[in-house]
Amino acid sequence: NQVAQRIAQVIRDSDHLELVRDRMLSVVVFRRKGWTQQQYDAWANKTFEEQIAACFSSKYRGEPVFRFAIINPLTTVEVLMDLVERLKGD
């Protein structure tokens, strides 16, 4: 999946995010540096309530993470980059 590959590189190059593991097919797992579980949940709930995205936290080796699972063929890198930028400000 080219979209997953491209957004994984954006995350890798980011100062505020960390790629947790290499992407697998269309799944990209990453963390917001320095955040607690409560911050992940608050951001995810706000983003969902504002009808921006359904990007809820998950766990990887017991730590909170976000996960892009790119299934919809209409999902673009630009849409995901908007979420990456929104994670910067919070």
PDB file of N, CA and C in Angstrom:
ATOM      1  N   ASN A   1       0.846  -1.179   0.000  1.00  0.00           N
ATOM      2  CA  ASN A   1       0.000   0.000   0.000  1.00  0.00           C
ATOM      3  C   ASN A   1       0.887   1.236   0.000  1.00  0.00           C
ATOM      4  N   GLN A   2       0.811   2.009  -1.067  1.00  0.00           N
ATOM      5  CA  GLN A   2       1.659   3.189  -1.208  1.00  0.00           C
ATOM      6  C   GLN A   2       1.309   4.281  -0.202  1.00  0.00           C
ATOM      7  N   VAL A   3       0.035   4.424   0.124  1.00  0.00           N
ATOM      8  CA  VAL A   3      -0.373   5.430   1.099  1.00  0.00           C
ATOM      9  C   VAL A   3       0.248   5.104   2.460  1.00  0.00           C
ATOM     10  N   ALA A   4       0.178   3.856   2.864  1.00  0.00           N
ATOM     11  CA  ALA A   4       0.768   3.442   4.139  1.00  0.00           C
ATOM     12  C   ALA A   4       2.279   3.658   4.135  1.00  0.00           C
ATOM     13  N   GLN A   5       2.915   3.336   3.044  1.00  0.00           N
ATOM     14  CA  GLN A   5       4.361   3.520   2.938  1.00  0.00           C
ATOM     15  C   GLN A   5       4.728   4.999   3.057  1.00  0.00           C
ATOM     16  N   ARG A   6       3.982   5.846   2.387  1.00  0.00           N
ATOM     17  CA  ARG A   6       4.276   7.284   2.413  1.00  0.00           C
ATOM     18  C   ARG A   6       4.009   7.902   3.784  1.00  0.00           C
ATOM     19  N   ILE A   7       2.884   7.545   4.428  1.00  0.00           N
ATOM     20  CA  ILE A   7       2.593   8.137   5.738  1.00  0.00           C
ATOM     21  C   ILE A   7       3.559   7.599   6.790  1.00  0.00           C
ATOM     22  N   ALA A   8       4.013   6.371   6.643  1.00  0.00           N
ATOM     23  CA  ALA A   8       5.023   5.836   7.570  1.00  0.00           C
ATOM     24  C   ALA A   8       6.292   6.677   7.488  1.00  0.00           C
ATOM     25  N   GLN A   9       6.669   7.091   6.297  1.00  0.00           N
ATOM     26  CA  GLN A   9       7.864   7.930   6.146  1.00  0.00           C
ATOM     27  C   GLN A   9       7.643   9.314   6.748  1.00  0.00           C
ATOM     28  N   VAL A  10       6.455   9.868   6.572  1.00  0.00           N
ATOM     29  CA  VAL A  10       6.130  11.157   7.188  1.00  0.00           C
ATOM     30  C   VAL A  10       6.266  11.056   8.702  1.00  0.00           C
ATOM     31  N   ILE A  11       5.743   9.994   9.282  1.00  0.00           N
ATOM     32  CA  ILE A  11       5.830   9.784  10.731  1.00  0.00           C
ATOM     33  C   ILE A  11       7.282   9.604  11.141  1.00  0.00           C
ATOM     34  N   ARG A  12       8.030   8.832  10.391  1.00  0.00           N
ATOM     35  CA  ARG A  12       9.449   8.593  10.677  1.00  0.00           C
ATOM     36  C   ARG A  12      10.229   9.915  10.709  1.00  0.00           C
ATOM     37  N   ASP A  13       9.869  10.831   9.818  1.00  0.00           N
ATOM     38  CA  ASP A  13      10.564  12.124   9.716  1.00  0.00           C
ATOM     39  C   ASP A  13      10.047  13.168  10.703  1.00  0.00           C
ATOM     40  N   SER A  14       8.984  12.858  11.414  1.00  0.00           N
ATOM     41  CA  SER A  14       8.337  13.798  12.325  1.00  0.00           C
ATOM     42  C   SER A  14       9.121  13.949  13.627  1.00  0.00           C
ATOM     43  N   ASP A  15       9.034  15.149  14.202  1.00  0.00           N
ATOM     44  CA  ASP A  15       9.653  15.394  15.507  1.00  0.00           C
ATOM     45  C   ASP A  15       8.756  14.977  16.667  1.00  0.00           C
ATOM     46  N   HIS A  16       7.454  14.988  16.470  1.00  0.00           N
ATOM     47  CA  HIS A  16       6.519  14.737  17.568  1.00  0.00           C
ATOM     48  C   HIS A  16       5.945  13.323  17.578  1.00  0.00           C
ATOM     49  N   LEU A  17       6.222  12.551  16.538  1.00  0.00           N
ATOM     50  CA  LEU A  17       5.715  11.181  16.463  1.00  0.00           C
ATOM     51  C   LEU A  17       6.878  10.208  16.313  1.00  0.00           C
ATOM     52  N   GLU A  18       6.591   8.955  16.620  1.00  0.00           N
ATOM     53  CA  GLU A  18       7.600   7.903  16.483  1.00  0.00           C
ATOM     54  C   GLU A  18       6.939   6.667  15.860  1.00  0.00           C
ATOM     55  N   LEU A  19       7.519   6.194  14.785  1.00  0.00           N
ATOM     56  CA  LEU A  19       7.040   4.957  14.175  1.00  0.00           C
ATOM     57  C   LEU A  19       7.428   3.808  15.099  1.00  0.00           C
ATOM     58  N   VAL A  20       6.456   3.033  15.518  1.00  0.00           N
ATOM     59  CA  VAL A  20       6.692   1.972  16.500  1.00  0.00           C
ATOM     60  C   VAL A  20       7.300   0.731  15.854  1.00  0.00           C
ATOM     61  N   ARG A  21       6.828   0.422  14.660  1.00  0.00           N
ATOM     62  CA  ARG A  21       7.374  -0.715  13.921  1.00  0.00           C
ATOM     63  C   ARG A  21       7.152  -0.456  12.434  1.00  0.00           C
ATOM     64  N   ASP A  22       7.887  -1.168  11.615  1.00  0.00           N
ATOM     65  CA  ASP A  22       7.698  -1.022  10.182  1.00  0.00           C
ATOM     66  C   ASP A  22       6.258  -1.355   9.830  1.00  0.00           C
ATOM     67  N   ARG A  23       5.741  -0.653   8.849  1.00  0.00           N
ATOM     68  CA  ARG A  23       4.349  -0.896   8.455  1.00  0.00           C
ATOM     69  C   ARG A  23       4.191  -2.337   7.990  1.00  0.00           C
ATOM     70  N   MET A  24       3.014  -2.858   8.208  1.00  0.00           N
ATOM     71  CA  MET A  24       2.664  -4.192   7.725  1.00  0.00           C
ATOM     72  C   MET A  24       1.439  -4.033   6.843  1.00  0.00           C
ATOM     73  N   LEU A  25       1.627  -4.275   5.554  1.00  0.00           N
ATOM     74  CA  LEU A  25       0.572  -4.080   4.561  1.00  0.00           C
ATOM     75  C   LEU A  25       0.043  -2.657   4.652  1.00  0.00           C
ATOM     76  N   SER A  26      -1.175  -2.484   5.123  1.00  0.00           N
ATOM     77  CA  SER A  26      -1.738  -1.137   5.182  1.00  0.00           C
ATOM     78  C   SER A  26      -1.865  -0.610   6.613  1.00  0.00           C
ATOM     79  N   VAL A  27      -1.162  -1.201   7.558  1.00  0.00           N
ATOM     80  CA  VAL A  27      -1.252  -0.795   8.957  1.00  0.00           C
ATOM     81  C   VAL A  27       0.040  -0.107   9.385  1.00  0.00           C
ATOM     82  N   VAL A  28      -0.124   1.107   9.936  1.00  0.00           N
ATOM     83  CA  VAL A  28       1.000   1.900  10.412  1.00  0.00           C
ATOM     84  C   VAL A  28       0.776   2.174  11.893  1.00  0.00           C
ATOM     85  N   VAL A  29       1.701   1.726  12.741  1.00  0.00           N
ATOM     86  CA  VAL A  29       1.583   1.881  14.190  1.00  0.00           C
ATOM     87  C   VAL A  29       2.613   2.918  14.645  1.00  0.00           C
ATOM     88  N   PHE A  30       2.113   3.907  15.396  1.00  0.00           N
ATOM     89  CA  PHE A  30       2.991   4.992  15.823  1.00  0.00           C
ATOM     90  C   PHE A  30       2.549   5.536  17.173  1.00  0.00           C
ATOM     91  N   ARG A  31       3.439   6.292  17.810  1.00  0.00           N
ATOM     92  CA  ARG A  31       3.092   6.905  19.091  1.00  0.00           C
ATOM     93  C   ARG A  31       3.338   8.403  19.030  1.00  0.00           C
ATOM     94  N   ARG A  32       2.615   9.101  19.881  1.00  0.00           N
ATOM     95  CA  ARG A  32       2.837  10.535  20.079  1.00  0.00           C
ATOM     96  C   ARG A  32       3.800  10.634  21.249  1.00  0.00           C
ATOM     97  N   LYS A  33       4.976  11.162  20.995  1.00  0.00           N
ATOM     98  CA  LYS A  33       6.013  11.224  22.028  1.00  0.00           C
ATOM     99  C   LYS A  33       5.516  11.981  23.260  1.00  0.00           C
ATOM    100  N   GLY A  34       5.730  11.371  24.431  1.00  0.00           N
ATOM    101  CA  GLY A  34       5.438  12.027  25.699  1.00  0.00           C
ATOM    102  C   GLY A  34       4.000  12.001  26.165  1.00  0.00           C
ATOM    103  N   TRP A  35       3.116  11.362  25.436  1.00  0.00           N
ATOM    104  CA  TRP A  35       1.711  11.364  25.823  1.00  0.00           C
ATOM    105  C   TRP A  35       1.362  10.219  26.759  1.00  0.00           C
ATOM    106  N   THR A  36       0.390  10.493  27.611  1.00  0.00           N
ATOM    107  CA  THR A  36      -0.194   9.467  28.483  1.00  0.00           C
ATOM    108  C   THR A  36      -1.405   8.857  27.782  1.00  0.00           C
ATOM    109  N   GLN A  37      -1.914   7.798  28.352  1.00  0.00           N
ATOM    110  CA  GLN A  37      -3.127   7.173  27.808  1.00  0.00           C
ATOM    111  C   GLN A  37      -4.282   8.169  27.786  1.00  0.00           C
ATOM    112  N   GLN A  38      -4.381   8.994  28.821  1.00  0.00           N
ATOM    113  CA  GLN A  38      -5.465   9.975  28.889  1.00  0.00           C
ATOM    114  C   GLN A  38      -5.375  10.979  27.740  1.00  0.00           C
ATOM    115  N   GLN A  39      -4.169  11.384  27.365  1.00  0.00           N
ATOM    116  CA  GLN A  39      -4.009  12.317  26.250  1.00  0.00           C
ATOM    117  C   GLN A  39      -4.393  11.666  24.919  1.00  0.00           C
ATOM    118  N   TYR A  40      -4.014  10.404  24.750  1.00  0.00           N
ATOM    119  CA  TYR A  40      -4.429   9.674  23.545  1.00  0.00           C
ATOM    120  C   TYR A  40      -5.949   9.638  23.459  1.00  0.00           C
ATOM    121  N   ASP A  41      -6.587   9.271  24.567  1.00  0.00           N
ATOM    122  CA  ASP A  41      -8.045   9.139  24.581  1.00  0.00           C
ATOM    123  C   ASP A  41      -8.731  10.481  24.336  1.00  0.00           C
ATOM    124  N   ALA A  42      -8.240  11.534  24.957  1.00  0.00           N
ATOM    125  CA  ALA A  42      -8.845  12.860  24.789  1.00  0.00           C
ATOM    126  C   ALA A  42      -8.747  13.317  23.333  1.00  0.00           C
ATOM    127  N   TRP A  43      -7.582  13.140  22.710  1.00  0.00           N
ATOM    128  CA  TRP A  43      -7.402  13.547  21.316  1.00  0.00           C
ATOM    129  C   TRP A  43      -8.313  12.718  20.404  1.00  0.00           C
ATOM    130  N   ALA A  44      -8.349  11.424  20.618  1.00  0.00           N
ATOM    131  CA  ALA A  44      -9.174  10.544  19.784  1.00  0.00           C
ATOM    132  C   ALA A  44     -10.651  10.888  19.911  1.00  0.00           C
ATOM    133  N   ASN A  45     -11.115  11.125  21.123  1.00  0.00           N
ATOM    134  CA  ASN A  45     -12.530  11.466  21.338  1.00  0.00           C
ATOM    135  C   ASN A  45     -12.876  12.807  20.701  1.00  0.00           C
ATOM    136  N   LYS A  46     -12.000  13.779  20.852  1.00  0.00           N
ATOM    137  CA  LYS A  46     -12.235  15.101  20.255  1.00  0.00           C
ATOM    138  C   LYS A  46     -12.291  15.002  18.731  1.00  0.00           C
ATOM    139  N   THR A  47     -11.361  14.288  18.157  1.00  0.00           N
ATOM    140  CA  THR A  47     -11.304  14.133  16.706  1.00  0.00           C
ATOM    141  C   THR A  47     -12.550  13.409  16.190  1.00  0.00           C
ATOM    142  N   PHE A  48     -13.005  12.428  16.935  1.00  0.00           N
ATOM    143  CA  PHE A  48     -14.213  11.692  16.554  1.00  0.00           C
ATOM    144  C   PHE A  48     -15.458  12.569  16.684  1.00  0.00           C
ATOM    145  N   GLU A  49     -15.579  13.274  17.815  1.00  0.00           N
ATOM    146  CA  GLU A  49     -16.744  14.130  18.046  1.00  0.00           C
ATOM    147  C   GLU A  49     -16.840  15.244  17.004  1.00  0.00           C
ATOM    148  N   GLU A  50     -15.700  15.737  16.537  1.00  0.00           N
ATOM    149  CA  GLU A  50     -15.685  16.782  15.515  1.00  0.00           C
ATOM    150  C   GLU A  50     -15.848  16.202  14.103  1.00  0.00           C
ATOM    151  N   GLN A  51     -16.051  14.894  14.023  1.00  0.00           N
ATOM    152  CA  GLN A  51     -16.255  14.167  12.766  1.00  0.00           C
ATOM    153  C   GLN A  51     -15.090  14.352  11.797  1.00  0.00           C
ATOM    154  N   ILE A  52     -13.889  14.365  12.366  1.00  0.00           N
ATOM    155  CA  ILE A  52     -12.683  14.482  11.548  1.00  0.00           C
ATOM    156  C   ILE A  52     -12.171  13.090  11.179  1.00  0.00           C
ATOM    157  N   ALA A  53     -12.115  12.215  12.178  1.00  0.00           N
ATOM    158  CA  ALA A  53     -11.622  10.861  11.943  1.00  0.00           C
ATOM    159  C   ALA A  53     -11.994   9.963  13.106  1.00  0.00           C
ATOM    160  N   ALA A  54     -11.976   8.673  12.838  1.00  0.00           N
ATOM    161  CA  ALA A  54     -12.122   7.667  13.881  1.00  0.00           C
ATOM    162  C   ALA A  54     -10.747   7.030  14.052  1.00  0.00           C
ATOM    163  N   CYS A  55      -9.932   7.670  14.852  1.00  0.00           N
ATOM    164  CA  CYS A  55      -8.553   7.214  15.081  1.00  0.00           C
ATOM    165  C   CYS A  55      -8.370   7.059  16.586  1.00  0.00           C
ATOM    166  N   PHE A  56      -8.695   5.878  17.080  1.00  0.00           N
ATOM    167  CA  PHE A  56      -8.649   5.625  18.514  1.00  0.00           C
ATOM    168  C   PHE A  56      -7.340   4.961  18.894  1.00  0.00           C
ATOM    169  N   SER A  57      -6.989   5.112  20.150  1.00  0.00           N
ATOM    170  CA  SER A  57      -5.723   4.536  20.596  1.00  0.00           C
ATOM    171  C   SER A  57      -5.821   3.020  20.672  1.00  0.00           C
ATOM    172  N   SER A  58      -4.667   2.423  20.634  1.00  0.00           N
ATOM    173  CA  SER A  58      -4.528   0.987  20.723  1.00  0.00           C
ATOM    174  C   SER A  58      -3.367   0.722  21.671  1.00  0.00           C
ATOM    175  N   LYS A  59      -2.952  -0.513  21.797  1.00  0.00           N
ATOM    176  CA  LYS A  59      -1.798  -0.860  22.630  1.00  0.00           C
ATOM    177  C   LYS A  59      -0.797  -1.646  21.803  1.00  0.00           C
ATOM    178  N   TYR A  60       0.457  -1.385  22.051  1.00  0.00           N
ATOM    179  CA  TYR A  60       1.544  -2.164  21.453  1.00  0.00           C
ATOM    180  C   TYR A  60       2.553  -2.419  22.552  1.00  0.00           C
ATOM    181  N   ARG A  61       2.704  -3.689  22.907  1.00  0.00           N
ATOM    182  CA  ARG A  61       3.594  -4.079  24.002  1.00  0.00           C
ATOM    183  C   ARG A  61       3.278  -3.309  25.288  1.00  0.00           C
ATOM    184  N   GLY A  62       1.986  -3.135  25.538  1.00  0.00           N
ATOM    185  CA  GLY A  62       1.526  -2.499  26.763  1.00  0.00           C
ATOM    186  C   GLY A  62       1.536  -0.981  26.749  1.00  0.00           C
ATOM    187  N   GLU A  63       2.014  -0.363  25.687  1.00  0.00           N
ATOM    188  CA  GLU A  63       2.096   1.093  25.593  1.00  0.00           C
ATOM    189  C   GLU A  63       1.003   1.617  24.666  1.00  0.00           C
ATOM    190  N   PRO A  64       0.468   2.809  24.969  1.00  0.00           N
ATOM    191  CA  PRO A  64      -0.543   3.375  24.075  1.00  0.00           C
ATOM    192  C   PRO A  64       0.080   3.809  22.743  1.00  0.00           C
ATOM    193  N   VAL A  65      -0.652   3.576  21.677  1.00  0.00           N
ATOM    194  CA  VAL A  65      -0.220   3.952  20.329  1.00  0.00           C
ATOM    195  C   VAL A  65      -1.451   4.320  19.515  1.00  0.00           C
ATOM    196  N   PHE A  66      -1.200   4.928  18.372  1.00  0.00           N
ATOM    197  CA  PHE A  66      -2.229   5.097  17.365  1.00  0.00           C
ATOM    198  C   PHE A  66      -1.905   4.152  16.224  1.00  0.00           C
ATOM    199  N   ARG A  67      -2.922   3.853  15.455  1.00  0.00           N
ATOM    200  CA  ARG A  67      -2.745   2.915  14.344  1.00  0.00           C
ATOM    201  C   ARG A  67      -3.600   3.388  13.175  1.00  0.00           C
ATOM    202  N   PHE A  68      -2.943   3.628  12.054  1.00  0.00           N
ATOM    203  CA  PHE A  68      -3.682   3.872  10.820  1.00  0.00           C
ATOM    204  C   PHE A  68      -3.838   2.520  10.134  1.00  0.00           C
ATOM    205  N   ALA A  69      -5.068   2.091   9.915  1.00  0.00           N
ATOM    206  CA  ALA A  69      -5.351   0.889   9.144  1.00  0.00           C
ATOM    207  C   ALA A  69      -6.042   1.370   7.874  1.00  0.00           C
ATOM    208  N   ILE A  70      -5.287   1.467   6.821  1.00  0.00           N
ATOM    209  CA  ILE A  70      -5.761   2.099   5.600  1.00  0.00           C
ATOM    210  C   ILE A  70      -6.466   1.058   4.741  1.00  0.00           C
ATOM    211  N   ILE A  71      -7.794   1.093   4.791  1.00  0.00           N
ATOM    212  CA  ILE A  71      -8.613   0.115   4.083  1.00  0.00           C
ATOM    213  C   ILE A  71      -9.354   0.758   2.918  1.00  0.00           C
ATOM    214  N   ASN A  72      -9.858   1.948   3.154  1.00  0.00           N
ATOM    215  CA  ASN A  72     -10.622   2.652   2.130  1.00  0.00           C
ATOM    216  C   ASN A  72      -9.686   3.105   1.004  1.00  0.00           C
ATOM    217  N   PRO A  73      -9.939   2.705  -0.231  1.00  0.00           N
ATOM    218  CA  PRO A  73      -9.060   3.098  -1.335  1.00  0.00           C
ATOM    219  C   PRO A  73      -9.087   4.599  -1.626  1.00  0.00           C
ATOM    220  N   LEU A  74     -10.048   5.315  -1.056  1.00  0.00           N
ATOM    221  CA  LEU A  74     -10.118   6.758  -1.254  1.00  0.00           C
ATOM    222  C   LEU A  74      -9.293   7.542  -0.228  1.00  0.00           C
ATOM    223  N   THR A  75      -8.720   6.847   0.754  1.00  0.00           N
ATOM    224  CA  THR A  75      -7.869   7.511   1.744  1.00  0.00           C
ATOM    225  C   THR A  75      -6.598   7.994   1.061  1.00  0.00           C
ATOM    226  N   THR A  76      -6.283   9.260   1.303  1.00  0.00           N
ATOM    227  CA  THR A  76      -5.088   9.839   0.700  1.00  0.00           C
ATOM    228  C   THR A  76      -4.037  10.149   1.759  1.00  0.00           C
ATOM    229  N   VAL A  77      -2.829  10.325   1.314  1.00  0.00           N
ATOM    230  CA  VAL A  77      -1.752  10.728   2.220  1.00  0.00           C
ATOM    231  C   VAL A  77      -2.087  12.080   2.837  1.00  0.00           C
ATOM    232  N   GLU A  78      -2.695  12.954   2.073  1.00  0.00           N
ATOM    233  CA  GLU A  78      -3.044  14.291   2.567  1.00  0.00           C
ATOM    234  C   GLU A  78      -4.010  14.227   3.747  1.00  0.00           C
ATOM    235  N   VAL A  79      -4.971  13.331   3.685  1.00  0.00           N
ATOM    236  CA  VAL A  79      -5.916  13.161   4.803  1.00  0.00           C
ATOM    237  C   VAL A  79      -5.158  12.738   6.058  1.00  0.00           C
ATOM    238  N   LEU A  80      -4.266  11.792   5.912  1.00  0.00           N
ATOM    239  CA  LEU A  80      -3.499  11.306   7.063  1.00  0.00           C
ATOM    240  C   LEU A  80      -2.496  12.347   7.552  1.00  0.00           C
ATOM    241  N   MET A  81      -1.937  13.110   6.637  1.00  0.00           N
ATOM    242  CA  MET A  81      -1.008  14.172   7.033  1.00  0.00           C
ATOM    243  C   MET A  81      -1.720  15.239   7.852  1.00  0.00           C
ATOM    244  N   ASP A  82      -2.993  15.482   7.566  1.00  0.00           N
ATOM    245  CA  ASP A  82      -3.773  16.411   8.378  1.00  0.00           C
ATOM    246  C   ASP A  82      -3.860  15.907   9.809  1.00  0.00           C
ATOM    247  N   LEU A  83      -4.076  14.626   9.996  1.00  0.00           N
ATOM    248  CA  LEU A  83      -4.120  14.052  11.355  1.00  0.00           C
ATOM    249  C   LEU A  83      -2.762  14.165  12.035  1.00  0.00           C
ATOM    250  N   VAL A  84      -1.695  13.917  11.293  1.00  0.00           N
ATOM    251  CA  VAL A  84      -0.340  14.049  11.837  1.00  0.00           C
ATOM    252  C   VAL A  84      -0.121  15.485  12.328  1.00  0.00           C
ATOM    253  N   GLU A  85      -0.560  16.457  11.546  1.00  0.00           N
ATOM    254  CA  GLU A  85      -0.423  17.861  11.942  1.00  0.00           C
ATOM    255  C   GLU A  85      -1.277  18.174  13.161  1.00  0.00           C
ATOM    256  N   ARG A  86      -2.469  17.632  13.232  1.00  0.00           N
ATOM    257  CA  ARG A  86      -3.335  17.863  14.382  1.00  0.00           C
ATOM    258  C   ARG A  86      -2.710  17.290  15.660  1.00  0.00           C
ATOM    259  N   LEU A  87      -1.968  16.229  15.534  1.00  0.00           N
ATOM    260  CA  LEU A  87      -1.292  15.648  16.696  1.00  0.00           C
ATOM    261  C   LEU A  87      -0.154  16.533  17.183  1.00  0.00           C
ATOM    262  N   LYS A  88       0.363  17.368  16.335  1.00  0.00           N
ATOM    263  CA  LYS A  88       1.459  18.259  16.701  1.00  0.00           C
ATOM    264  C   LYS A  88       1.005  19.316  17.687  1.00  0.00           C
ATOM    265  N   GLY A  89      -0.176  19.876  17.461  1.00  0.00           N
ATOM    266  CA  GLY A  89      -0.634  21.004  18.267  1.00  0.00           C
ATOM    267  C   GLY A  89      -1.152  20.631  19.633  1.00  0.00           C
ATOM    268  N   ASP A  90      -1.539  19.415  19.822  1.00  0.00           N
ATOM    269  CA  ASP A  90      -2.153  19.025  21.112  1.00  0.00           C
ATOM    270  C   ASP A  90      -1.124  18.558  22.105  1.00  0.00           C
TER     271      ASP A  90
END
